[in-house]
Amino acid sequence: MKKASIKSEDYQKYYQQLILKKIGIQGQKKIFKAKVLVIDGEQDAIVVPEAQKKLLQDLNSHLKNKPTHWRIPEAGHALGRPE
């Protein structure tokens, strides 16, 4: 069986994930290779734009493949409450 390895700079960056038994080096390699689709409703009233931007930046820094980002104008989420 081939021994799993990871670059030293990646090891330092993802140390907290690597030490988790359920992730480890093999799991982190799968995360690197993951392909992600982000669907963004431009009229979203739940997630503020600053948080959306930060989430996309975080995805870009954790994935080898840049996420695909779809923006849907005039769509989004809102919270409602019964009267």
N, C-alpha and C. Protein backbone atom coordinates (compact mmCIF):
# COMPACT_ATOMS: atom_id res chain seq x y z
N MET A 1 0.84 -1.18 0.00
CA MET A 1 0.00 0.00 0.00
C MET A 1 0.88 1.24 0.00
N LYS A 2 0.55 2.20 -0.85
CA LYS A 2 1.32 3.44 -0.96
C LYS A 2 1.04 4.33 0.25
N LYS A 3 2.10 4.88 0.83
CA LYS A 3 1.95 5.76 1.98
C LYS A 3 1.46 7.14 1.53
N ALA A 4 0.47 7.68 2.22
CA ALA A 4 -0.06 9.01 1.89
C ALA A 4 0.93 10.07 2.35
N SER A 5 1.05 11.11 1.54
CA SER A 5 1.92 12.22 1.93
C SER A 5 1.25 13.52 1.52
N ILE A 6 1.73 14.59 2.09
CA ILE A 6 1.18 15.91 1.82
C ILE A 6 2.32 16.92 1.93
N LYS A 7 2.28 17.98 1.13
CA LYS A 7 3.35 18.99 1.16
C LYS A 7 3.44 19.62 2.55
N SER A 8 4.66 20.00 2.94
CA SER A 8 4.85 20.56 4.28
C SER A 8 4.06 21.85 4.49
N GLU A 9 3.97 22.71 3.46
CA GLU A 9 3.20 23.96 3.64
C GLU A 9 1.71 23.66 3.79
N ASP A 10 1.22 22.62 3.10
CA ASP A 10 -0.18 22.22 3.26
C ASP A 10 -0.40 21.58 4.62
N TYR A 11 0.58 20.83 5.09
CA TYR A 11 0.47 20.19 6.41
C TYR A 11 0.29 21.25 7.48
N GLN A 12 1.08 22.32 7.41
CA GLN A 12 0.98 23.39 8.41
C GLN A 12 -0.36 24.12 8.29
N LYS A 13 -0.80 24.37 7.06
CA LYS A 13 -2.03 25.11 6.83
C LYS A 13 -3.26 24.34 7.32
N TYR A 14 -3.26 23.01 7.11
CA TYR A 14 -4.43 22.19 7.41
C TYR A 14 -4.23 21.27 8.60
N TYR A 15 -3.30 21.60 9.45
CA TYR A 15 -2.96 20.74 10.58
C TYR A 15 -4.18 20.34 11.41
N GLN A 16 -5.06 21.31 11.72
CA GLN A 16 -6.24 21.03 12.56
C GLN A 16 -7.14 19.98 11.92
N GLN A 17 -7.25 19.96 10.60
CA GLN A 17 -8.06 18.96 9.92
C GLN A 17 -7.32 17.62 9.84
N LEU A 18 -6.03 17.69 9.64
CA LEU A 18 -5.25 16.47 9.46
C LEU A 18 -5.21 15.60 10.72
N ILE A 19 -5.28 16.23 11.88
CA ILE A 19 -5.20 15.46 13.11
C ILE A 19 -6.53 14.80 13.48
N LEU A 20 -7.60 15.18 12.81
CA LEU A 20 -8.90 14.54 13.05
C LEU A 20 -8.89 13.15 12.42
N LYS A 21 -9.25 12.15 13.19
CA LYS A 21 -9.23 10.77 12.70
C LYS A 21 -10.11 10.57 11.47
N LYS A 22 -11.22 11.29 11.41
CA LYS A 22 -12.14 11.09 10.30
C LYS A 22 -11.68 11.79 9.02
N ILE A 23 -10.70 12.68 9.10
CA ILE A 23 -10.19 13.36 7.90
C ILE A 23 -8.80 12.84 7.57
N GLY A 24 -7.82 13.19 8.36
CA GLY A 24 -6.46 12.72 8.12
C GLY A 24 -5.92 13.15 6.77
N ILE A 25 -4.80 12.58 6.39
CA ILE A 25 -4.15 12.96 5.13
C ILE A 25 -4.99 12.50 3.93
N GLN A 26 -5.50 11.29 3.98
CA GLN A 26 -6.30 10.79 2.85
C GLN A 26 -7.54 11.67 2.64
N GLY A 27 -8.21 12.02 3.72
CA GLY A 27 -9.40 12.87 3.62
C GLY A 27 -9.06 14.25 3.11
N GLN A 28 -7.94 14.81 3.56
CA GLN A 28 -7.55 16.14 3.11
C GLN A 28 -7.23 16.13 1.62
N LYS A 29 -6.63 15.05 1.14
CA LYS A 29 -6.37 14.94 -0.30
C LYS A 29 -7.68 14.92 -1.09
N LYS A 30 -8.71 14.27 -0.56
CA LYS A 30 -10.01 14.27 -1.22
C LYS A 30 -10.61 15.67 -1.23
N ILE A 31 -10.43 16.40 -0.13
CA ILE A 31 -10.93 17.78 -0.07
C ILE A 31 -10.25 18.64 -1.13
N PHE A 32 -8.93 18.49 -1.27
CA PHE A 32 -8.19 19.26 -2.28
C PHE A 32 -8.77 19.04 -3.67
N LYS A 33 -9.16 17.80 -3.96
CA LYS A 33 -9.61 17.43 -5.30
C LYS A 33 -11.11 17.67 -5.52
N ALA A 34 -11.82 18.05 -4.48
CA ALA A 34 -13.28 18.22 -4.58
C ALA A 34 -13.65 19.27 -5.62
N LYS A 35 -14.80 19.06 -6.24
CA LYS A 35 -15.35 20.03 -7.17
C LYS A 35 -16.63 20.56 -6.53
N VAL A 36 -16.74 21.88 -6.47
CA VAL A 36 -17.85 22.51 -5.75
C VAL A 36 -18.59 23.46 -6.67
N LEU A 37 -19.90 23.42 -6.59
CA LEU A 37 -20.76 24.37 -7.29
C LEU A 37 -21.44 25.24 -6.25
N VAL A 38 -21.25 26.55 -6.36
CA VAL A 38 -21.90 27.50 -5.46
C VAL A 38 -22.99 28.20 -6.25
N ILE A 39 -24.21 28.10 -5.77
CA ILE A 39 -25.34 28.77 -6.41
C ILE A 39 -25.75 29.93 -5.51
N ASP A 40 -25.68 31.11 -6.05
CA ASP A 40 -25.86 32.34 -5.29
C ASP A 40 -27.09 33.08 -5.78
N GLY A 41 -28.13 33.16 -4.93
CA GLY A 41 -29.29 33.97 -5.24
C GLY A 41 -28.96 35.42 -4.91
N GLU A 42 -28.90 36.26 -5.91
CA GLU A 42 -28.45 37.64 -5.70
C GLU A 42 -29.36 38.45 -4.78
N GLN A 43 -30.58 38.01 -4.60
CA GLN A 43 -31.52 38.72 -3.72
C GLN A 43 -31.60 38.07 -2.34
N ASP A 44 -30.59 37.32 -1.96
CA ASP A 44 -30.60 36.60 -0.68
C ASP A 44 -30.70 37.58 0.48
N ALA A 45 -31.64 37.35 1.36
CA ALA A 45 -31.84 38.22 2.52
C ALA A 45 -31.37 37.55 3.81
N ILE A 46 -30.70 36.39 3.71
CA ILE A 46 -30.23 35.68 4.89
C ILE A 46 -28.72 35.83 5.06
N VAL A 47 -27.97 35.54 4.01
CA VAL A 47 -26.52 35.62 4.08
C VAL A 47 -26.08 36.98 3.53
N VAL A 48 -25.43 37.76 4.37
CA VAL A 48 -25.01 39.10 3.96
C VAL A 48 -23.90 39.00 2.91
N PRO A 49 -23.80 39.98 2.00
CA PRO A 49 -22.81 39.92 0.93
C PRO A 49 -21.37 39.72 1.41
N GLU A 50 -21.02 40.32 2.54
CA GLU A 50 -19.65 40.17 3.06
C GLU A 50 -19.36 38.72 3.43
N ALA A 51 -20.37 38.04 4.00
CA ALA A 51 -20.20 36.63 4.37
C ALA A 51 -20.12 35.76 3.12
N GLN A 52 -20.92 36.06 2.11
CA GLN A 52 -20.86 35.31 0.85
C GLN A 52 -19.47 35.41 0.24
N LYS A 53 -18.93 36.63 0.24
CA LYS A 53 -17.59 36.85 -0.32
C LYS A 53 -16.53 36.07 0.46
N LYS A 54 -16.63 36.10 1.78
CA LYS A 54 -15.66 35.39 2.62
C LYS A 54 -15.75 33.88 2.42
N LEU A 55 -16.96 33.36 2.30
CA LEU A 55 -17.13 31.92 2.06
C LEU A 55 -16.49 31.50 0.74
N LEU A 56 -16.67 32.30 -0.30
CA LEU A 56 -16.04 31.98 -1.59
C LEU A 56 -14.53 32.06 -1.50
N GLN A 57 -14.00 33.05 -0.78
CA GLN A 57 -12.54 33.15 -0.60
C GLN A 57 -12.01 31.92 0.13
N ASP A 58 -12.71 31.48 1.17
CA ASP A 58 -12.28 30.30 1.92
C ASP A 58 -12.30 29.05 1.03
N LEU A 59 -13.34 28.90 0.22
CA LEU A 59 -13.38 27.76 -0.69
C LEU A 59 -12.20 27.79 -1.65
N ASN A 60 -11.92 28.97 -2.18
CA ASN A 60 -10.79 29.10 -3.12
C ASN A 60 -9.47 28.72 -2.47
N SER A 61 -9.30 29.01 -1.20
CA SER A 61 -8.03 28.71 -0.55
C SER A 61 -7.91 27.26 -0.09
N HIS A 62 -9.03 26.54 -0.02
CA HIS A 62 -9.00 25.15 0.48
C HIS A 62 -9.10 24.10 -0.63
N LEU A 63 -9.43 24.52 -1.83
CA LEU A 63 -9.64 23.56 -2.90
C LEU A 63 -8.61 23.73 -4.00
N LYS A 64 -8.20 22.63 -4.58
CA LYS A 64 -7.29 22.66 -5.73
C LYS A 64 -8.03 23.21 -6.94
N ASN A 65 -9.28 22.77 -7.13
CA ASN A 65 -10.12 23.23 -8.24
C ASN A 65 -10.98 24.39 -7.77
N LYS A 66 -10.87 25.51 -8.44
CA LYS A 66 -11.66 26.67 -8.08
C LYS A 66 -13.15 26.33 -8.20
N PRO A 67 -13.97 26.75 -7.22
CA PRO A 67 -15.40 26.42 -7.30
C PRO A 67 -16.09 27.12 -8.47
N THR A 68 -17.07 26.45 -9.03
CA THR A 68 -17.91 27.08 -10.05
C THR A 68 -18.95 27.92 -9.31
N HIS A 69 -19.14 29.14 -9.76
CA HIS A 69 -20.04 30.06 -9.05
C HIS A 69 -21.12 30.54 -10.00
N TRP A 70 -22.34 30.13 -9.73
CA TRP A 70 -23.49 30.59 -10.51
C TRP A 70 -24.22 31.65 -9.72
N ARG A 71 -24.55 32.74 -10.38
CA ARG A 71 -25.36 33.80 -9.76
C ARG A 71 -26.72 33.80 -10.45
N ILE A 72 -27.76 33.78 -9.65
CA ILE A 72 -29.12 33.78 -10.19
C ILE A 72 -29.78 35.09 -9.79
N PRO A 73 -29.95 35.99 -10.76
CA PRO A 73 -30.59 37.27 -10.44
C PRO A 73 -32.06 37.07 -10.06
N GLU A 74 -32.53 37.94 -9.23
CA GLU A 74 -33.93 37.94 -8.79
C GLU A 74 -34.32 36.64 -8.10
N ALA A 75 -33.37 36.00 -7.43
CA ALA A 75 -33.65 34.79 -6.64
C ALA A 75 -32.91 34.92 -5.32
N GLY A 76 -33.41 34.26 -4.31
CA GLY A 76 -32.75 34.31 -3.02
C GLY A 76 -33.60 33.68 -1.94
N HIS A 77 -33.15 33.83 -0.72
CA HIS A 77 -33.84 33.28 0.44
C HIS A 77 -34.25 34.43 1.35
N ALA A 78 -35.28 34.22 2.09
CA ALA A 78 -35.72 35.20 3.09
C ALA A 78 -36.32 34.43 4.26
N LEU A 79 -36.25 35.02 5.42
CA LEU A 79 -36.89 34.42 6.59
C LEU A 79 -38.27 35.01 6.77
N GLY A 80 -39.21 34.14 7.02
CA GLY A 80 -40.56 34.59 7.29
C GLY A 80 -40.97 34.12 8.67
N ARG A 81 -41.89 34.79 9.26
CA ARG A 81 -42.40 34.34 10.56
C ARG A 81 -43.91 34.48 10.57
N PRO A 82 -44.55 33.55 11.20
CA PRO A 82 -46.01 33.63 11.26
C PRO A 82 -46.46 34.81 12.11
N GLU A 83 -47.56 35.37 11.74
CA GLU A 83 -48.07 36.52 12.51
C GLU A 83 -48.97 36.08 13.62
